[in-house]
Protein backbone atom coordinates (compact mmCIF):
# COMPACT_ATOMS: atom_id res chain seq x y z
CA MET A 1 85.19 -62.08 105.26
CA ALA A 2 88.74 -61.48 104.05
CA LEU A 3 90.17 -63.97 101.59
CA GLU A 4 93.16 -66.00 102.77
CA ARG A 5 96.16 -65.70 100.48
CA VAL A 6 97.89 -69.05 99.83
CA GLU A 7 101.50 -69.08 98.69
CA ALA A 8 102.78 -72.62 99.33
CA ILE A 9 102.69 -74.93 96.28
CA PRO A 10 101.04 -78.35 96.87
CA HIS A 11 102.72 -81.50 95.60
CA LEU A 12 101.70 -84.95 94.50
CA ALA A 13 102.83 -87.68 96.86
CA PRO A 14 105.64 -89.95 95.64
CA ARG A 15 104.31 -93.10 93.97
CA PRO A 16 104.74 -96.36 95.85
CA ARG A 17 106.81 -99.01 94.07
CA ASP A 18 103.80 -101.31 93.78
CA SER A 19 101.70 -98.70 91.95
CA HIS A 20 99.21 -99.62 89.24
CA LYS A 21 97.10 -97.44 86.93
CA GLY A 22 93.98 -97.91 89.01
CA ARG A 23 95.53 -95.90 91.83
CA PHE A 24 95.80 -92.72 89.77
CA GLY A 25 92.30 -92.18 88.53
CA THR A 26 90.40 -92.21 85.26
CA VAL A 27 89.80 -88.95 83.42
CA LEU A 28 86.91 -88.79 80.98
CA VAL A 29 87.39 -85.98 78.47
CA VAL A 30 84.23 -84.84 76.67
CA ALA A 31 85.48 -82.55 73.94
CA GLY A 32 85.96 -81.92 70.25
CA SER A 33 83.84 -81.24 67.19
CA ARG A 34 84.33 -80.60 63.49
CA GLY A 35 87.53 -78.61 63.06
CA MET A 36 88.37 -78.94 66.78
CA ALA A 37 89.79 -82.45 67.08
CA GLY A 38 93.05 -81.01 68.37
CA ALA A 39 91.37 -79.47 71.43
CA ALA A 40 90.14 -82.88 72.58
CA ALA A 41 93.50 -84.50 71.88
CA LEU A 42 95.56 -81.83 73.66
CA CYS A 43 93.34 -82.07 76.75
CA GLY A 44 93.52 -85.86 76.83
CA VAL A 45 97.27 -86.13 76.24
CA ALA A 46 97.93 -83.43 78.85
CA ALA A 47 95.96 -85.51 81.38
CA LEU A 48 98.11 -88.52 80.55
CA ARG A 49 101.32 -86.50 80.85
CA SER A 50 100.09 -85.24 84.23
CA GLY A 51 99.79 -88.68 85.77
CA ALA A 52 96.23 -89.90 85.22
CA GLY A 53 96.09 -93.68 85.26
CA LEU A 54 93.61 -93.86 82.37
CA VAL A 55 92.24 -91.27 79.95
CA ARG A 56 89.13 -91.78 77.85
CA ILE A 57 88.18 -89.20 75.24
CA ALA A 58 84.55 -89.07 74.14
CA THR A 59 84.14 -86.94 71.05
CA ALA A 60 81.89 -86.39 68.03
CA ALA A 61 81.96 -89.47 65.82
CA GLU A 62 83.04 -87.40 62.83
CA VAL A 63 86.39 -86.50 64.43
CA GLN A 64 87.00 -89.55 66.63
CA PRO A 65 89.44 -91.18 64.14
CA VAL A 66 91.48 -87.97 64.04
CA VAL A 67 91.56 -87.69 67.83
CA ALA A 68 92.60 -91.35 68.11
CA GLY A 69 95.55 -90.69 65.80
CA PHE A 70 97.18 -88.18 68.14
CA GLU A 71 98.18 -90.54 70.95
CA PRO A 72 97.60 -94.29 71.25
CA SER A 73 97.78 -94.20 75.07
CA ALA A 74 94.37 -92.52 75.24
CA MET A 75 91.19 -94.45 74.52
CA THR A 76 88.65 -92.73 72.28
CA TYR A 77 84.91 -93.19 71.88
CA PRO A 78 82.68 -91.87 69.07
CA LEU A 79 79.51 -90.07 70.11
CA ALA A 80 76.52 -89.46 67.89
CA GLY A 81 76.88 -86.14 66.12
CA THR A 82 74.78 -83.37 64.64
CA ALA A 83 74.82 -82.17 61.05
CA GLU A 84 77.16 -79.40 62.21
CA GLY A 85 79.71 -81.89 63.52
CA THR A 86 79.07 -81.34 67.24
CA ILE A 87 77.96 -83.93 69.82
CA ASP A 88 74.25 -84.74 69.73
CA PHE A 89 73.74 -85.12 73.47
CA PRO A 90 70.31 -86.78 73.49
CA ALA A 91 71.52 -89.45 71.07
CA ALA A 92 74.90 -89.80 72.80
CA ARG A 93 73.52 -89.95 76.34
CA PRO A 94 73.46 -93.77 76.71
CA ILE A 95 77.16 -94.10 75.76
CA LEU A 96 78.12 -91.16 77.96
CA GLN A 97 76.35 -92.69 80.94
CA ARG A 98 78.36 -95.89 80.48
CA LEU A 99 81.60 -93.91 80.26
CA LEU A 100 80.74 -91.83 83.31
CA ALA A 101 80.34 -94.84 85.59
CA PRO A 102 84.07 -95.68 85.90
CA ALA A 103 85.30 -92.07 85.58
CA THR A 104 86.99 -90.39 88.52
CA VAL A 105 86.84 -86.91 86.99
CA VAL A 106 85.23 -85.40 83.88
CA ALA A 107 86.91 -82.68 81.83
CA VAL A 108 84.40 -81.04 79.51
CA GLY A 109 84.41 -78.22 77.02
CA PRO A 110 87.49 -77.93 74.79
CA GLY A 111 86.40 -77.65 71.17
CA LEU A 112 82.81 -78.79 71.82
CA GLY A 113 81.24 -76.07 69.72
CA GLN A 114 78.07 -74.23 70.69
CA SER A 115 74.58 -75.67 70.32
CA GLU A 116 71.46 -76.42 72.33
CA GLU A 117 72.62 -80.05 72.55
CA ILE A 118 75.85 -78.93 74.26
CA ARG A 119 73.85 -76.79 76.68
CA GLY A 120 71.83 -79.88 77.51
CA LEU A 121 75.02 -81.86 78.04
CA LEU A 122 76.26 -79.34 80.62
CA ARG A 123 72.93 -79.31 82.43
CA PHE A 124 73.05 -83.09 82.60
CA LEU A 125 76.61 -83.23 83.96
CA LEU A 126 75.90 -80.63 86.63
CA ALA A 127 72.36 -81.55 87.64
CA GLU A 128 72.17 -85.31 87.14
CA THR A 129 75.65 -86.65 87.89
CA ASP A 130 77.93 -86.48 90.92
CA LYS A 131 81.29 -86.61 89.14
CA PRO A 132 83.88 -83.90 89.83
CA LEU A 133 84.10 -81.62 86.80
CA VAL A 134 86.66 -79.39 85.13
CA ILE A 135 84.78 -77.07 82.75
CA ASP A 136 86.54 -74.99 80.09
CA ALA A 137 86.00 -73.23 76.77
CA ASP A 138 82.70 -74.20 75.10
CA GLY A 139 81.63 -75.87 78.33
CA LEU A 140 81.70 -72.41 79.90
CA ASN A 141 79.94 -70.88 76.92
CA ALA A 142 77.19 -73.49 77.32
CA LEU A 143 76.59 -72.27 80.89
CA VAL A 144 75.84 -68.70 79.82
CA GLY A 145 72.25 -67.95 80.81
CA GLN A 146 71.92 -71.07 82.95
CA THR A 147 74.50 -70.53 85.69
CA GLU A 148 71.85 -71.47 88.27
CA VAL A 149 72.86 -75.10 87.68
CA LEU A 150 76.16 -74.29 89.41
CA ALA A 151 74.37 -73.55 92.68
CA GLY A 152 73.97 -77.22 93.49
CA ALA A 153 77.64 -78.04 92.93
CA ALA A 154 78.31 -79.90 96.19
CA ARG A 155 81.03 -81.99 94.48
CA PRO A 156 84.21 -80.33 93.11
CA VAL A 157 83.58 -78.18 90.04
CA ILE A 158 86.52 -76.23 88.61
CA LEU A 159 85.88 -73.48 86.06
CA THR A 160 88.83 -72.33 83.94
CA PRO A 161 87.74 -69.21 82.02
CA HIS A 162 89.87 -66.60 80.29
CA PRO A 163 88.59 -63.03 80.86
CA GLY A 164 86.30 -63.10 77.81
CA GLU A 165 84.66 -66.36 78.87
CA PHE A 166 84.37 -65.09 82.43
CA ALA A 167 82.66 -61.90 81.23
CA ARG A 168 80.14 -63.85 79.14
CA LEU A 169 79.46 -66.25 81.98
CA THR A 170 78.82 -63.52 84.55
CA GLY A 171 77.24 -60.87 82.31
CA THR A 172 80.01 -58.35 82.95
CA GLY A 173 82.52 -56.64 80.68
CA VAL A 174 86.10 -57.76 80.12
CA ALA A 175 87.42 -54.41 81.36
CA GLU A 176 85.40 -54.81 84.57
CA VAL A 177 86.77 -58.32 85.06
CA GLN A 178 90.35 -57.24 84.48
CA ALA A 179 90.01 -54.26 86.84
CA ASP A 180 89.22 -56.57 89.79
CA ARG A 181 90.33 -60.06 88.85
CA LEU A 182 90.43 -61.42 92.40
CA GLY A 183 87.17 -59.86 93.50
CA GLN A 184 85.31 -61.02 90.41
CA ALA A 185 86.68 -64.56 90.61
CA ALA A 186 85.99 -64.87 94.34
CA LYS A 187 82.40 -63.67 93.90
CA LEU A 188 81.73 -66.36 91.32
CA ALA A 189 83.49 -69.07 93.35
CA ALA A 190 81.36 -68.25 96.40
CA ALA A 191 78.22 -69.23 94.48
CA ALA A 192 78.54 -72.91 95.49
CA PRO A 193 80.48 -74.82 98.16
CA GLY A 194 82.34 -77.04 95.70
CA LEU A 195 83.23 -74.37 93.17
CA VAL A 196 86.79 -73.28 92.28
CA VAL A 197 87.49 -70.57 89.70
CA VAL A 198 90.71 -70.39 87.69
CA LEU A 199 90.71 -66.96 86.04
CA LYS A 200 93.41 -67.29 83.40
CA GLY A 201 95.81 -64.63 82.20
CA ALA A 202 99.05 -63.06 83.39
CA GLY A 203 99.01 -63.93 87.09
CA THR A 204 96.26 -66.54 86.88
CA ILE A 205 93.95 -66.31 89.91
CA ILE A 206 92.74 -69.47 91.67
CA THR A 207 90.06 -69.10 94.34
CA ASP A 208 87.34 -71.06 96.08
CA GLY A 209 85.77 -67.93 97.57
CA ARG A 210 87.70 -68.36 100.83
CA ARG A 211 91.30 -68.76 99.70
CA TRP A 212 93.20 -67.43 96.72
CA PHE A 213 96.47 -68.00 94.93
CA GLU A 214 98.13 -65.94 92.20
CA ASN A 215 100.25 -68.03 89.85
CA THR A 216 103.77 -66.81 89.07
CA THR A 217 104.89 -69.21 86.33
CA GLY A 218 104.31 -68.83 82.60
CA ASN A 219 105.21 -66.34 79.88
CA PRO A 220 103.73 -64.51 76.84
CA GLY A 221 104.65 -67.38 74.51
CA MET A 222 101.73 -69.29 76.00
CA ALA A 223 99.31 -66.88 74.33
CA THR A 224 98.59 -69.35 71.55
CA GLY A 225 95.69 -71.63 70.67
CA GLY A 226 95.38 -74.86 72.65
CA THR A 227 97.26 -73.96 75.82
CA GLY A 228 93.99 -73.66 77.74
CA ASP A 229 93.02 -77.16 76.61
CA VAL A 230 96.32 -78.39 78.05
CA LEU A 231 95.58 -76.72 81.39
CA THR A 232 92.19 -78.41 81.56
CA GLY A 233 93.82 -81.81 81.13
CA VAL A 234 96.49 -81.09 83.73
CA ILE A 235 93.99 -80.01 86.40
CA ALA A 236 91.68 -82.95 85.67
CA ALA A 237 94.55 -85.41 86.10
CA LEU A 238 95.60 -83.89 89.43
CA LEU A 239 92.01 -84.01 90.68
CA ALA A 240 91.79 -87.66 89.56
CA GLN A 241 94.91 -88.47 91.57
CA GLY A 242 93.28 -87.30 94.77
CA LEU A 243 94.24 -83.67 95.22
CA PRO A 244 91.42 -81.49 96.57
CA ALA A 245 89.94 -79.13 93.99
CA PHE A 246 91.67 -75.92 95.13
CA GLU A 247 95.06 -77.62 95.36
CA ALA A 248 94.57 -79.40 92.01
CA ALA A 249 93.81 -76.08 90.33
CA GLN A 250 96.68 -74.35 92.10
CA LEU A 251 99.29 -76.99 91.25
CA GLY A 252 97.84 -77.38 87.76
CA ALA A 253 98.27 -73.69 86.96
CA PHE A 254 101.79 -73.69 88.41
CA VAL A 255 102.95 -76.78 86.50
CA HIS A 256 101.27 -75.59 83.30
CA GLY A 257 103.14 -72.30 83.51
CA LEU A 258 106.38 -74.06 84.41
CA ALA A 259 105.99 -76.30 81.34
CA GLY A 260 105.49 -73.12 79.33
CA ASP A 261 108.71 -71.69 80.72
CA ILE A 262 110.58 -74.88 79.82
CA ALA A 263 109.06 -74.79 76.32
CA ARG A 264 110.09 -71.15 75.94
CA ASP A 265 113.67 -72.00 76.79
CA ASP A 266 113.62 -74.72 74.11
CA HIS A 267 111.62 -72.97 71.37
CA GLY A 268 111.37 -69.28 72.19
CA GLU A 269 108.21 -67.33 72.92
CA ILE A 270 107.29 -66.65 69.31
CA GLY A 271 107.56 -70.21 68.00
CA MET A 272 105.98 -71.99 70.98
CA ILE A 273 102.80 -74.02 70.37
CA ALA A 274 100.49 -75.86 72.76
CA GLY A 275 102.01 -79.24 71.94
CA ASP A 276 105.35 -77.95 73.24
CA LEU A 277 103.72 -77.50 76.66
CA VAL A 278 102.47 -81.09 76.62
CA ASP A 279 105.98 -82.30 75.77
CA ALA A 280 107.44 -80.23 78.62
CA LEU A 281 105.03 -81.46 81.29
CA PRO A 282 107.15 -84.47 82.34
CA ASP A 283 110.15 -82.20 82.97
CA ALA A 284 107.96 -79.76 84.89
CA PHE A 285 106.66 -82.48 87.19
CA THR A 286 110.15 -83.95 87.62
CA HIS A 287 111.37 -80.54 88.71
CA LEU A 288 108.79 -80.51 91.50
CA MET A 289 109.10 -84.11 92.69
CA PRO A 290 111.38 -85.26 95.50
CA ASP A 291 114.39 -87.48 94.86
CA PRO A 292 113.00 -90.91 93.81
CA ASP A 293 115.69 -92.64 95.86
CA ILE A 294 113.87 -91.65 99.05
CA ILE A 295 110.57 -93.24 98.00
CA THR A 296 109.72 -96.23 100.17
């Protein structure tokens, strides 16, 4: 079956005047480890800047105070850790289960590190919970060798790999991935009915195995550490606000790239850092929203 190419950009609906935070979803970010506090913080703050009503960041206890210091609008929760400074999933499971109950969407992976405990965490989220997931970075690495758990993904699951992560996940080579980005991404997305793949890079590909979209925003200045963590937060927030998974990934990639273009205009491509994208997200969303005077 031929894939349908999608070109129209989805939008968030204007917010009613009587809005409250409960209408815009709760994002639970499970991220961070020793040396990677910034990944958790960037993901969480990006979700806030993308309209999520509430953001909770669950991270290794060792780095929780650092993550909390980035942005007071996000709530942070310490999880039991290993000697290596990563999350000890078996010990942290009771707290995670309490945090999962009110969550609308879970974003998992940025800066988690790699360990058997993290692999267990991903198995748990995919096999034993029904929460929509956005999986990035070390969350994707934790799926290597156990991708069969994706097969039961009846709820939305969005994977956001760069070509290297995609190659590890699928057992292919980076050159093979890059030679057929759409075909490779669509093949993976077709593995489960709720799966959406966001294959990052110049001309990011978004596909659910039936439709596809090639993003046109963004620039080489975004090739810097942390920008993928920002994208994860953006997509999670859009999913939490009610957009279907394909549209959330599509708009997320577009807005993320647009924020990068705004940041480039302010800072240049060489000096741009991931935090500049977070700061530019409000302007990117404003650019896409209708005139507030027409909101009723």
